[in-house]
Amino acid sequence: MKLIVAVVHNEDAGALVEALLEKDYRATRLHSSGGFLKQSNATILVGVEEAQVEEVLAITRRTCTARTQIVNPMPPIMEPGEFFMPYPLEVEVGGATVFVLPVERFERL
């Protein structure tokens, strides 16, 4: 048994959970945040047999695609009288960070 932990962009989370449920995989969605842009994301937990890991990863690859987005950076902490002109940045968002962990014991209560 394996536990798949996927940290995905919040915009991709709904599609990922829906695609997993269509294939009869049970998934738990946790709201989380962090990373470079401090944006909202989601952590998806899926428990599967070892033989199903590759199919879940394929679903994740298909639904969580990376794309570019234009953002305005947060201004740094400045002293009075200093001037900061933020320039929009093009950054890559989306995709997924996935961990596959062994599960020693699983029980449904």
Protein backbone atom coordinates (compact mmCIF):
# COMPACT_ATOMS: atom_id res chain seq x y z
CA MET A 1 0.00 0.00 0.00
CA LYS A 2 1.21 3.53 -0.84
CA LEU A 3 0.16 7.01 0.18
CA ILE A 4 0.41 9.58 -2.60
CA VAL A 5 0.69 13.17 -1.39
CA ALA A 6 0.32 15.70 -4.21
CA VAL A 7 0.72 19.43 -3.63
CA VAL A 8 -1.05 21.16 -6.53
CA HIS A 9 -2.16 24.65 -7.56
CA ASN A 10 -5.58 25.45 -6.13
CA GLU A 11 -7.00 25.94 -9.66
CA ASP A 12 -6.02 22.36 -10.57
CA ALA A 13 -7.20 20.66 -7.37
CA GLY A 14 -10.88 20.34 -8.29
CA ALA A 15 -10.14 18.78 -11.67
CA LEU A 16 -7.65 16.37 -10.11
CA VAL A 17 -10.06 15.18 -7.41
CA GLU A 18 -12.85 14.82 -9.97
CA ALA A 19 -10.61 12.79 -12.33
CA LEU A 20 -9.52 10.54 -9.45
CA LEU A 21 -13.13 9.94 -8.37
CA GLU A 22 -14.11 9.04 -11.97
CA LYS A 23 -11.56 6.19 -11.76
CA ASP A 24 -12.89 5.15 -8.30
CA TYR A 25 -9.89 6.46 -6.34
CA ARG A 26 -10.79 8.04 -3.02
CA ALA A 27 -9.01 11.31 -2.40
CA THR A 28 -8.83 13.78 0.46
CA ARG A 29 -8.25 17.46 -0.33
CA LEU A 30 -6.56 19.69 2.23
CA HIS A 31 -6.25 23.44 1.73
CA SER A 32 -2.69 24.67 2.15
CA SER A 33 -0.53 27.62 1.18
CA GLY A 34 3.07 28.62 0.82
CA GLY A 35 5.80 28.60 -1.72
CA PHE A 36 7.31 31.43 -3.67
CA LEU A 37 4.10 33.37 -4.35
CA LYS A 38 2.38 32.61 -1.01
CA GLN A 39 -0.65 31.55 -3.01
CA SER A 40 -3.31 29.11 -2.00
CA ASN A 41 -2.74 25.52 -3.06
CA ALA A 42 -4.14 22.13 -2.17
CA THR A 43 -2.65 18.94 -0.84
CA ILE A 44 -4.35 15.82 -2.20
CA LEU A 45 -3.98 12.52 -0.30
CA VAL A 46 -4.66 9.24 -2.08
CA GLY A 47 -4.12 5.76 -0.65
CA VAL A 48 -3.62 3.08 -3.33
CA GLU A 49 -2.13 -0.32 -3.91
CA GLU A 50 1.40 -0.29 -5.34
CA ALA A 51 0.17 -1.41 -8.77
CA GLN A 52 -2.11 1.66 -9.00
CA VAL A 53 0.55 4.30 -8.30
CA GLU A 54 1.47 4.88 -11.95
CA GLU A 55 -2.17 5.38 -12.98
CA VAL A 56 -2.70 7.97 -10.23
CA LEU A 57 0.52 9.74 -11.28
CA ALA A 58 -0.68 9.76 -14.92
CA ILE A 59 -4.00 11.34 -13.87
CA THR A 60 -2.06 13.94 -11.86
CA ARG A 61 0.21 14.74 -14.83
CA ARG A 62 -2.79 15.12 -17.13
CA THR A 63 -4.82 17.43 -14.85
CA CYS A 64 -2.09 19.52 -13.17
CA THR A 65 -0.25 21.27 -15.95
CA ALA A 66 2.37 23.97 -15.50
CA ARG A 67 1.69 27.38 -17.05
CA THR A 68 3.08 30.89 -16.84
CA GLN A 69 1.45 33.77 -15.01
CA ILE A 70 2.29 37.46 -14.68
CA VAL A 71 2.52 38.60 -11.03
CA ASN A 72 3.55 41.73 -9.19
CA PRO A 73 6.15 40.91 -6.53
CA MET A 74 5.59 41.91 -2.92
CA PRO A 75 7.50 45.07 -2.03
CA PRO A 76 10.39 44.62 0.37
CA ILE A 77 10.36 46.20 3.82
CA MET A 78 11.67 49.67 3.21
CA GLU A 79 12.85 52.64 5.20
CA PRO A 80 10.85 55.88 5.05
CA GLY A 81 11.76 57.90 1.98
CA GLU A 82 12.88 54.91 -0.10
CA PHE A 83 11.11 54.23 -3.39
CA PHE A 84 10.29 50.78 -4.80
CA MET A 85 8.89 50.30 -8.28
CA PRO A 86 7.62 46.73 -8.68
CA TYR A 87 7.98 45.24 -12.13
CA PRO A 88 5.64 42.43 -13.14
CA LEU A 89 7.33 39.04 -13.29
CA GLU A 90 6.48 36.07 -15.44
CA VAL A 91 6.54 32.95 -13.25
CA GLU A 92 5.60 29.32 -13.74
CA VAL A 93 2.62 28.11 -11.70
CA GLY A 94 0.71 24.86 -11.61
CA GLY A 95 2.08 21.39 -12.02
CA ALA A 96 2.38 19.19 -8.97
CA THR A 97 4.88 18.15 -6.35
CA VAL A 98 4.22 14.50 -5.56
CA PHE A 99 5.48 12.24 -2.77
CA VAL A 100 4.86 8.49 -2.78
CA LEU A 101 5.20 7.03 0.71
CA PRO A 102 4.99 3.47 2.00
CA VAL A 103 2.04 2.67 4.26
CA GLU A 104 2.73 0.22 7.03
CA ARG A 105 -0.90 -0.22 8.07
CA PHE A 106 -4.27 0.85 6.66
CA GLU A 107 -7.68 0.55 8.29
CA ARG A 108 -11.04 1.95 7.27
CA LEU A 109 -13.13 2.50 10.39
